[in-house]
PDB file of N, CA and C in Angstrom:
ATOM      1  N   UNK A   1     -94.244  24.306  72.464  1.00  0.00           N
ATOM      2  CA  UNK A   1     -94.451  24.264  70.777  1.00  0.00           C
ATOM      3  C   UNK A   1     -94.598  23.050  70.416  1.00  0.00           C
ATOM      4  N   UNK A   2     -95.378  23.024  69.234  1.00  0.00           N
ATOM      5  CA  UNK A   2     -95.957  21.810  68.697  1.00  0.00           C
ATOM      6  C   UNK A   2     -94.862  21.114  68.015  1.00  0.00           C
ATOM      7  N   UNK A   3     -94.831  19.959  67.917  1.00  0.00           N
ATOM      8  CA  UNK A   3     -93.846  18.983  67.171  1.00  0.00           C
ATOM      9  C   UNK A   3     -93.919  18.752  65.743  1.00  0.00           C
ATOM     10  N   UNK A   4     -92.926  18.926  65.153  1.00  0.00           N
ATOM     11  CA  UNK A   4     -92.765  18.961  63.622  1.00  0.00           C
ATOM     12  C   UNK A   4     -93.210  17.506  63.223  1.00  0.00           C
ATOM     13  N   UNK A   5     -94.061  17.345  62.067  1.00  0.00           N
ATOM     14  CA  UNK A   5     -94.370  16.232  61.489  1.00  0.00           C
ATOM     15  C   UNK A   5     -93.120  15.705  60.572  1.00  0.00           C
ATOM     16  N   UNK A   6     -92.765  14.377  60.829  1.00  0.00           N
ATOM     17  CA  UNK A   6     -91.697  13.904  59.975  1.00  0.00           C
ATOM     18  C   UNK A   6     -92.282  12.866  59.219  1.00  0.00           C
ATOM     19  N   UNK A   7     -91.987  13.271  57.809  1.00  0.00           N
ATOM     20  CA  UNK A   7     -92.473  12.445  56.728  1.00  0.00           C
ATOM     21  C   UNK A   7     -91.422  11.827  55.904  1.00  0.00           C
ATOM     22  N   UNK A   8     -91.535  10.675  55.518  1.00  0.00           N
ATOM     23  CA  UNK A   8     -90.705   9.896  54.736  1.00  0.00           C
ATOM     24  C   UNK A   8     -90.576  10.464  53.387  1.00  0.00           C
ATOM     25  N   UNK A   9     -89.155  10.211  52.792  1.00  0.00           N
ATOM     26  CA  UNK A   9     -88.910  10.760  51.495  1.00  0.00           C
ATOM     27  C   UNK A   9     -89.628  10.189  50.284  1.00  0.00           C
ATOM     28  N   UNK A  10     -90.370  10.694  49.648  1.00  0.00           N
ATOM     29  CA  UNK A  10     -91.072  10.140  48.659  1.00  0.00           C
ATOM     30  C   UNK A  10     -90.206   9.801  47.441  1.00  0.00           C
ATOM     31  N   UNK A  11     -90.337   8.582  46.861  1.00  0.00           N
ATOM     32  CA  UNK A  11     -89.548   8.259  45.631  1.00  0.00           C
ATOM     33  C   UNK A  11     -90.174   8.012  44.529  1.00  0.00           C
ATOM     34  N   UNK A  12     -89.767   8.272  43.211  1.00  0.00           N
ATOM     35  CA  UNK A  12     -90.525   8.148  42.017  1.00  0.00           C
ATOM     36  C   UNK A  12     -90.656   6.477  41.909  1.00  0.00           C
ATOM     37  N   UNK A  13     -91.960   6.182  41.659  1.00  0.00           N
ATOM     38  CA  UNK A  13     -92.252   4.857  41.340  1.00  0.00           C
ATOM     39  C   UNK A  13     -91.820   4.198  40.095  1.00  0.00           C
ATOM     40  N   UNK A  14     -91.764   5.146  39.258  1.00  0.00           N
ATOM     41  CA  UNK A  14     -91.425   4.672  37.833  1.00  0.00           C
ATOM     42  C   UNK A  14     -89.995   4.528  37.456  1.00  0.00           C
ATOM     43  N   UNK A  15     -89.087   5.157  38.332  1.00  0.00           N
ATOM     44  CA  UNK A  15     -87.673   4.769  38.275  1.00  0.00           C
ATOM     45  C   UNK A  15     -87.378   3.747  39.145  1.00  0.00           C
ATOM     46  N   UNK A  16     -87.987   3.404  40.201  1.00  0.00           N
ATOM     47  CA  UNK A  16     -87.858   2.345  40.844  1.00  0.00           C
ATOM     48  C   UNK A  16     -88.141   1.120  40.153  1.00  0.00           C
ATOM     49  N   UNK A  17     -89.247   1.099  39.322  1.00  0.00           N
ATOM     50  CA  UNK A  17     -89.611   0.118  38.452  1.00  0.00           C
ATOM     51  C   UNK A  17     -88.706  -0.067  37.079  1.00  0.00           C
ATOM     52  N   UNK A  18     -87.720   0.868  37.015  1.00  0.00           N
ATOM     53  CA  UNK A  18     -86.886   0.973  35.649  1.00  0.00           C
ATOM     54  C   UNK A  18     -87.710   1.140  34.531  1.00  0.00           C
ATOM     55  N   UNK A  19     -88.901   1.945  34.466  1.00  0.00           N
ATOM     56  CA  UNK A  19     -89.648   2.205  33.316  1.00  0.00           C
ATOM     57  C   UNK A  19     -88.961   3.566  32.609  1.00  0.00           C
ATOM     58  N   UNK A  20     -88.534   3.319  31.291  1.00  0.00           N
ATOM     59  CA  UNK A  20     -87.908   4.468  30.646  1.00  0.00           C
ATOM     60  C   UNK A  20     -88.992   5.252  29.900  1.00  0.00           C
ATOM     61  N   UNK A  21     -90.056   4.633  29.407  1.00  0.00           N
ATOM     62  CA  UNK A  21     -91.059   5.164  28.626  1.00  0.00           C
ATOM     63  C   UNK A  21     -92.549   4.859  29.185  1.00  0.00           C
ATOM     64  N   UNK A  22     -93.194   5.702  29.334  1.00  0.00           N
ATOM     65  CA  UNK A  22     -94.845   5.492  29.790  1.00  0.00           C
ATOM     66  C   UNK A  22     -95.758   5.601  28.767  1.00  0.00           C
ATOM     67  N   UNK A  23     -96.253   4.557  28.365  1.00  0.00           N
ATOM     68  CA  UNK A  23     -97.140   4.354  27.147  1.00  0.00           C
ATOM     69  C   UNK A  23     -98.528   4.875  27.667  1.00  0.00           C
ATOM     70  N   UNK A  24     -99.327   5.330  26.680  1.00  0.00           N
ATOM     71  CA  UNK A  24    -100.577   5.810  26.967  1.00  0.00           C
ATOM     72  C   UNK A  24    -101.630   4.737  26.935  1.00  0.00           C
ATOM     73  N   UNK A  25    -101.221   3.572  26.295  1.00  0.00           N
ATOM     74  CA  UNK A  25    -102.083   2.395  26.178  1.00  0.00           C
ATOM     75  C   UNK A  25    -101.995   1.412  27.567  1.00  0.00           C
ATOM     76  N   UNK A  26    -101.114   1.611  28.302  1.00  0.00           N
ATOM     77  CA  UNK A  26    -100.810   0.951  29.669  1.00  0.00           C
ATOM     78  C   UNK A  26    -101.570   1.801  30.659  1.00  0.00           C
ATOM     79  N   UNK A  27    -102.958   1.545  30.806  1.00  0.00           N
ATOM     80  CA  UNK A  27    -103.880   2.161  31.877  1.00  0.00           C
ATOM     81  C   UNK A  27    -103.377   1.901  33.254  1.00  0.00           C
ATOM     82  N   UNK A  28    -103.133   0.597  33.489  1.00  0.00           N
ATOM     83  CA  UNK A  28    -102.814   0.291  34.875  1.00  0.00           C
ATOM     84  C   UNK A  28    -101.857   0.964  35.519  1.00  0.00           C
ATOM     85  N   UNK A  29    -100.881   1.174  34.592  1.00  0.00           N
ATOM     86  CA  UNK A  29     -99.579   2.000  35.034  1.00  0.00           C
ATOM     87  C   UNK A  29     -99.996   3.567  35.109  1.00  0.00           C
ATOM     88  N   UNK A  30    -100.983   3.973  34.308  1.00  0.00           N
ATOM     89  CA  UNK A  30    -101.260   5.576  34.390  1.00  0.00           C
ATOM     90  C   UNK A  30    -101.987   5.777  35.713  1.00  0.00           C
ATOM     91  N   UNK A  31    -102.829   4.663  36.194  1.00  0.00           N
ATOM     92  CA  UNK A  31    -103.776   4.765  37.327  1.00  0.00           C
ATOM     93  C   UNK A  31    -103.007   4.930  38.520  1.00  0.00           C
ATOM     94  N   UNK A  32    -101.553   4.584  38.486  1.00  0.00           N
ATOM     95  CA  UNK A  32    -100.949   5.088  39.864  1.00  0.00           C
ATOM     96  C   UNK A  32    -100.501   6.506  40.049  1.00  0.00           C
ATOM     97  N   UNK A  33    -100.985   7.290  38.853  1.00  0.00           N
ATOM     98  CA  UNK A  33    -100.659   8.544  39.211  1.00  0.00           C
ATOM     99  C   UNK A  33    -102.014   9.507  38.980  1.00  0.00           C
ATOM    100  N   UNK A  34    -103.102   8.945  39.179  1.00  0.00           N
ATOM    101  CA  UNK A  34    -104.426   9.526  38.881  1.00  0.00           C
ATOM    102  C   UNK A  34    -105.223   9.202  40.317  1.00  0.00           C
ATOM    103  N   UNK A  35    -106.049  10.229  40.494  1.00  0.00           N
ATOM    104  CA  UNK A  35    -106.941  10.153  41.811  1.00  0.00           C
ATOM    105  C   UNK A  35    -108.215   9.410  41.268  1.00  0.00           C
ATOM    106  N   UNK A  36    -108.889   9.157  42.420  1.00  0.00           N
ATOM    107  CA  UNK A  36    -110.180   8.272  41.954  1.00  0.00           C
ATOM    108  C   UNK A  36    -111.104   9.016  41.317  1.00  0.00           C
ATOM    109  N   UNK A  37    -111.094  10.329  41.123  1.00  0.00           N
ATOM    110  CA  UNK A  37    -111.895  10.991  40.467  1.00  0.00           C
ATOM    111  C   UNK A  37    -111.351  11.284  38.918  1.00  0.00           C
ATOM    112  N   UNK A  38    -110.155  10.743  38.479  1.00  0.00           N
ATOM    113  CA  UNK A  38    -109.664  10.771  37.313  1.00  0.00           C
ATOM    114  C   UNK A  38    -108.767  12.026  36.985  1.00  0.00           C
ATOM    115  N   UNK A  39    -108.237  12.670  38.225  1.00  0.00           N
ATOM    116  CA  UNK A  39    -107.425  13.947  38.083  1.00  0.00           C
ATOM    117  C   UNK A  39    -106.079  13.396  38.059  1.00  0.00           C
ATOM    118  N   UNK A  40    -105.136  14.208  37.554  1.00  0.00           N
ATOM    119  CA  UNK A  40    -103.690  13.919  37.553  1.00  0.00           C
ATOM    120  C   UNK A  40    -103.189  14.391  38.845  1.00  0.00           C
ATOM    121  N   UNK A  41    -102.442  13.520  39.611  1.00  0.00           N
ATOM    122  CA  UNK A  41    -101.882  13.905  40.945  1.00  0.00           C
ATOM    123  C   UNK A  41    -100.492  14.592  40.733  1.00  0.00           C
ATOM    124  N   UNK A  42    -100.379  15.641  41.411  1.00  0.00           N
ATOM    125  CA  UNK A  42     -99.122  16.420  41.305  1.00  0.00           C
ATOM    126  C   UNK A  42     -97.937  15.748  41.821  1.00  0.00           C
ATOM    127  N   UNK A  43     -96.778  16.194  41.422  1.00  0.00           N
ATOM    128  CA  UNK A  43     -95.529  15.592  41.890  1.00  0.00           C
ATOM    129  C   UNK A  43     -95.331  15.542  43.487  1.00  0.00           C
ATOM    130  N   UNK A  44     -95.668  16.618  44.168  1.00  0.00           N
ATOM    131  CA  UNK A  44     -95.378  16.873  45.398  1.00  0.00           C
ATOM    132  C   UNK A  44     -96.148  15.777  46.123  1.00  0.00           C
ATOM    133  N   UNK A  45     -97.394  15.155  45.646  1.00  0.00           N
ATOM    134  CA  UNK A  45     -98.049  14.019  46.136  1.00  0.00           C
ATOM    135  C   UNK A  45     -97.669  12.716  45.839  1.00  0.00           C
ATOM    136  N   UNK A  46     -97.157  12.504  44.743  1.00  0.00           N
ATOM    137  CA  UNK A  46     -96.727  11.286  44.157  1.00  0.00           C
ATOM    138  C   UNK A  46     -95.294  10.959  44.443  1.00  0.00           C
ATOM    139  N   UNK A  47     -94.479  12.000  44.504  1.00  0.00           N
ATOM    140  CA  UNK A  47     -92.986  11.816  44.424  1.00  0.00           C
ATOM    141  C   UNK A  47     -92.249  11.563  43.076  1.00  0.00           C
ATOM    142  N   UNK A  48     -92.948  11.793  42.054  1.00  0.00           N
ATOM    143  CA  UNK A  48     -92.538  11.523  40.735  1.00  0.00           C
ATOM    144  C   UNK A  48     -91.337  12.271  40.483  1.00  0.00           C
ATOM    145  N   UNK A  49     -90.301  11.935  39.543  1.00  0.00           N
ATOM    146  CA  UNK A  49     -89.348  12.752  39.255  1.00  0.00           C
ATOM    147  C   UNK A  49     -89.922  13.716  37.973  1.00  0.00           C
ATOM    148  N   UNK A  50     -89.291  14.801  37.826  1.00  0.00           N
ATOM    149  CA  UNK A  50     -89.743  15.739  36.775  1.00  0.00           C
ATOM    150  C   UNK A  50     -90.122  15.065  35.378  1.00  0.00           C
ATOM    151  N   UNK A  51     -89.080  14.222  34.941  1.00  0.00           N
ATOM    152  CA  UNK A  51     -89.175  13.434  33.614  1.00  0.00           C
ATOM    153  C   UNK A  51     -90.240  12.561  33.838  1.00  0.00           C
ATOM    154  N   UNK A  52     -90.527  11.758  34.780  1.00  0.00           N
ATOM    155  CA  UNK A  52     -91.515  10.857  34.789  1.00  0.00           C
ATOM    156  C   UNK A  52     -92.930  11.523  34.767  1.00  0.00           C
ATOM    157  N   UNK A  53     -92.974  12.578  35.624  1.00  0.00           N
ATOM    158  CA  UNK A  53     -94.155  13.342  35.644  1.00  0.00           C
ATOM    159  C   UNK A  53     -94.701  13.795  34.382  1.00  0.00           C
ATOM    160  N   UNK A  54     -93.594  14.447  33.440  1.00  0.00           N
ATOM    161  CA  UNK A  54     -94.039  14.893  32.128  1.00  0.00           C
ATOM    162  C   UNK A  54     -94.498  13.833  31.419  1.00  0.00           C
ATOM    163  N   UNK A  55     -93.955  12.677  31.475  1.00  0.00           N
ATOM    164  CA  UNK A  55     -94.176  11.491  30.612  1.00  0.00           C
ATOM    165  C   UNK A  55     -95.497  11.051  30.959  1.00  0.00           C
ATOM    166  N   UNK A  56     -96.053  11.103  32.416  1.00  0.00           N
ATOM    167  CA  UNK A  56     -97.273  10.786  32.891  1.00  0.00           C
ATOM    168  C   UNK A  56     -98.375  11.505  32.318  1.00  0.00           C
ATOM    169  N   UNK A  57     -98.105  12.852  32.530  1.00  0.00           N
ATOM    170  CA  UNK A  57     -98.968  13.985  31.947  1.00  0.00           C
ATOM    171  C   UNK A  57     -99.506  13.638  30.582  1.00  0.00           C
ATOM    172  N   UNK A  58     -98.448  13.520  29.782  1.00  0.00           N
ATOM    173  CA  UNK A  58     -98.695  13.479  28.324  1.00  0.00           C
ATOM    174  C   UNK A  58     -99.420  12.072  27.987  1.00  0.00           C
ATOM    175  N   UNK A  59     -98.947  11.053  28.680  1.00  0.00           N
ATOM    176  CA  UNK A  59     -99.713   9.739  28.358  1.00  0.00           C
ATOM    177  C   UNK A  59    -101.112   9.836  28.824  1.00  0.00           C
ATOM    178  N   UNK A  60    -101.464  10.515  30.075  1.00  0.00           N
ATOM    179  CA  UNK A  60    -102.973  10.525  30.492  1.00  0.00           C
ATOM    180  C   UNK A  60    -103.537  11.342  29.637  1.00  0.00           C
ATOM    181  N   UNK A  61    -103.069  12.392  28.998  1.00  0.00           N
ATOM    182  CA  UNK A  61    -103.701  13.357  28.062  1.00  0.00           C
ATOM    183  C   UNK A  61    -104.203  12.618  26.878  1.00  0.00           C
ATOM    184  N   UNK A  62    -103.241  11.790  26.576  1.00  0.00           N
ATOM    185  CA  UNK A  62    -103.115  10.924  25.284  1.00  0.00           C
ATOM    186  C   UNK A  62    -104.407  10.111  25.331  1.00  0.00           C
ATOM    187  N   UNK A  63    -104.321   9.285  26.561  1.00  0.00           N
ATOM    188  CA  UNK A  63    -105.282   8.261  26.715  1.00  0.00           C
ATOM    189  C   UNK A  63    -106.710   8.841  26.757  1.00  0.00           C
ATOM    190  N   UNK A  64    -106.825   9.977  27.654  1.00  0.00           N
ATOM    191  CA  UNK A  64    -108.009  10.648  27.446  1.00  0.00           C
ATOM    192  C   UNK A  64    -108.571  10.895  26.126  1.00  0.00           C
ATOM    193  N   UNK A  65    -107.746  11.405  25.156  1.00  0.00           N
ATOM    194  CA  UNK A  65    -108.086  11.860  23.911  1.00  0.00           C
ATOM    195  C   UNK A  65    -108.590  10.594  23.189  1.00  0.00           C
ATOM    196  N   UNK A  66    -108.019   9.463  23.299  1.00  0.00           N
ATOM    197  CA  UNK A  66    -108.283   8.248  22.812  1.00  0.00           C
ATOM    198  C   UNK A  66    -109.390   7.458  23.457  1.00  0.00           C
ATOM    199  N   UNK A  67    -109.872   7.987  24.600  1.00  0.00           N
ATOM    200  CA  UNK A  67    -111.023   7.466  25.385  1.00  0.00           C
ATOM    201  C   UNK A  67    -110.664   6.125  26.046  1.00  0.00           C
ATOM    202  N   UNK A  68    -109.441   6.022  26.523  1.00  0.00           N
ATOM    203  CA  UNK A  68    -109.037   4.885  27.232  1.00  0.00           C
ATOM    204  C   UNK A  68    -109.151   5.156  28.727  1.00  0.00           C
ATOM    205  N   UNK A  69    -109.224   6.507  28.933  1.00  0.00           N
ATOM    206  CA  UNK A  69    -109.219   6.984  30.343  1.00  0.00           C
ATOM    207  C   UNK A  69    -110.314   8.052  30.311  1.00  0.00           C
ATOM    208  N   UNK A  70    -111.114   8.117  31.186  1.00  0.00           N
ATOM    209  CA  UNK A  70    -112.254   9.124  31.136  1.00  0.00           C
ATOM    210  C   UNK A  70    -111.724  10.415  31.493  1.00  0.00           C
ATOM    211  N   UNK A  71    -112.162  11.582  31.096  1.00  0.00           N
ATOM    212  CA  UNK A  71    -111.931  12.925  31.476  1.00  0.00           C
ATOM    213  C   UNK A  71    -112.429  13.203  32.963  1.00  0.00           C
ATOM    214  N   UNK A  72    -113.731  12.675  33.299  1.00  0.00           N
ATOM    215  CA  UNK A  72    -114.349  12.990  34.534  1.00  0.00           C
ATOM    216  C   UNK A  72    -114.990  11.691  34.843  1.00  0.00           C
ATOM    217  N   UNK A  73    -115.118  11.398  36.267  1.00  0.00           N
ATOM    218  CA  UNK A  73    -115.860  10.066  36.795  1.00  0.00           C
ATOM    219  C   UNK A  73    -117.076  10.599  37.153  1.00  0.00           C
ATOM    220  N   UNK A  74    -118.214   9.787  37.067  1.00  0.00           N
ATOM    221  CA  UNK A  74    -119.568  10.001  37.463  1.00  0.00           C
ATOM    222  C   UNK A  74    -119.494   9.745  39.043  1.00  0.00           C
ATOM    223  N   UNK A  75    -119.702  10.560  39.830  1.00  0.00           N
ATOM    224  CA  UNK A  75    -119.851  10.315  41.174  1.00  0.00           C
ATOM    225  C   UNK A  75    -121.268  10.500  41.737  1.00  0.00           C
ATOM    226  N   UNK A  76    -122.286  10.485  40.868  1.00  0.00           N
ATOM    227  CA  UNK A  76    -123.641  10.802  41.213  1.00  0.00           C
ATOM    228  C   UNK A  76    -124.062   9.392  41.920  1.00  0.00           C
ATOM    229  N   UNK A  77    -123.650   8.234  41.652  1.00  0.00           N
ATOM    230  CA  UNK A  77    -124.062   7.051  42.388  1.00  0.00           C
ATOM    231  C   UNK A  77    -123.460   7.208  43.742  1.00  0.00           C
ATOM    232  N   UNK A  78    -122.269   7.529  44.011  1.00  0.00           N
ATOM    233  CA  UNK A  78    -121.694   7.655  45.302  1.00  0.00           C
ATOM    234  C   UNK A  78    -122.331   8.542  46.366  1.00  0.00           C
ATOM    235  N   UNK A  79    -122.548   9.740  45.757  1.00  0.00           N
ATOM    236  CA  UNK A  79    -123.369  10.641  46.442  1.00  0.00           C
ATOM    237  C   UNK A  79    -124.769  10.794  46.828  1.00  0.00           C
ATOM    238  N   UNK A  80    -125.588  10.014  45.976  1.00  0.00           N
ATOM    239  CA  UNK A  80    -127.016   9.807  46.226  1.00  0.00           C
ATOM    240  C   UNK A  80    -127.209   9.001  47.283  1.00  0.00           C
ATOM    241  N   UNK A  81    -126.479   7.983  47.772  1.00  0.00           N
ATOM    242  CA  UNK A  81    -126.698   6.976  48.839  1.00  0.00           C
ATOM    243  C   UNK A  81    -126.470   7.699  50.059  1.00  0.00           C
ATOM    244  N   UNK A  82    -125.625   8.769  50.286  1.00  0.00           N
ATOM    245  CA  UNK A  82    -125.305   9.785  51.209  1.00  0.00           C
ATOM    246  C   UNK A  82    -126.507  10.536  51.690  1.00  0.00           C
ATOM    247  N   UNK A  83    -127.429  11.016  50.669  1.00  0.00           N
ATOM    248  CA  UNK A  83    -128.439  11.784  51.030  1.00  0.00           C
ATOM    249  C   UNK A  83    -129.764  11.174  51.130  1.00  0.00           C
ATOM    250  N   UNK A  84    -129.799   9.907  50.877  1.00  0.00           N
ATOM    251  CA  UNK A  84    -131.170   9.051  50.988  1.00  0.00           C
ATOM    252  C   UNK A  84    -131.386   8.850  52.428  1.00  0.00           C
ATOM    253  N   UNK A  85    -132.525   9.109  53.145  1.00  0.00           N
ATOM    254  CA  UNK A  85    -132.749   8.728  54.500  1.00  0.00           C
ATOM    255  C   UNK A  85    -134.077   7.905  54.621  1.00  0.00           C
TER     256      UNK A  85
END
């Protein structure tokens, strides 16, 4: 029988840093919960608490609306190099 993988418990980064409110203007803090393509990472991957995840989602959506964070990231430059031979 295959062994079960044991993963460590994920903790909320924002409660460890004792952050009570996540502001949309602090883009460095928002990038902790975004993928390299600019997508919002889910709770099961980041380990955020429910309250923190809701604040992160609202802040990222506001930052996108204010054009502080992009909606999508141009990956054309990254993929072009792979196809050139």
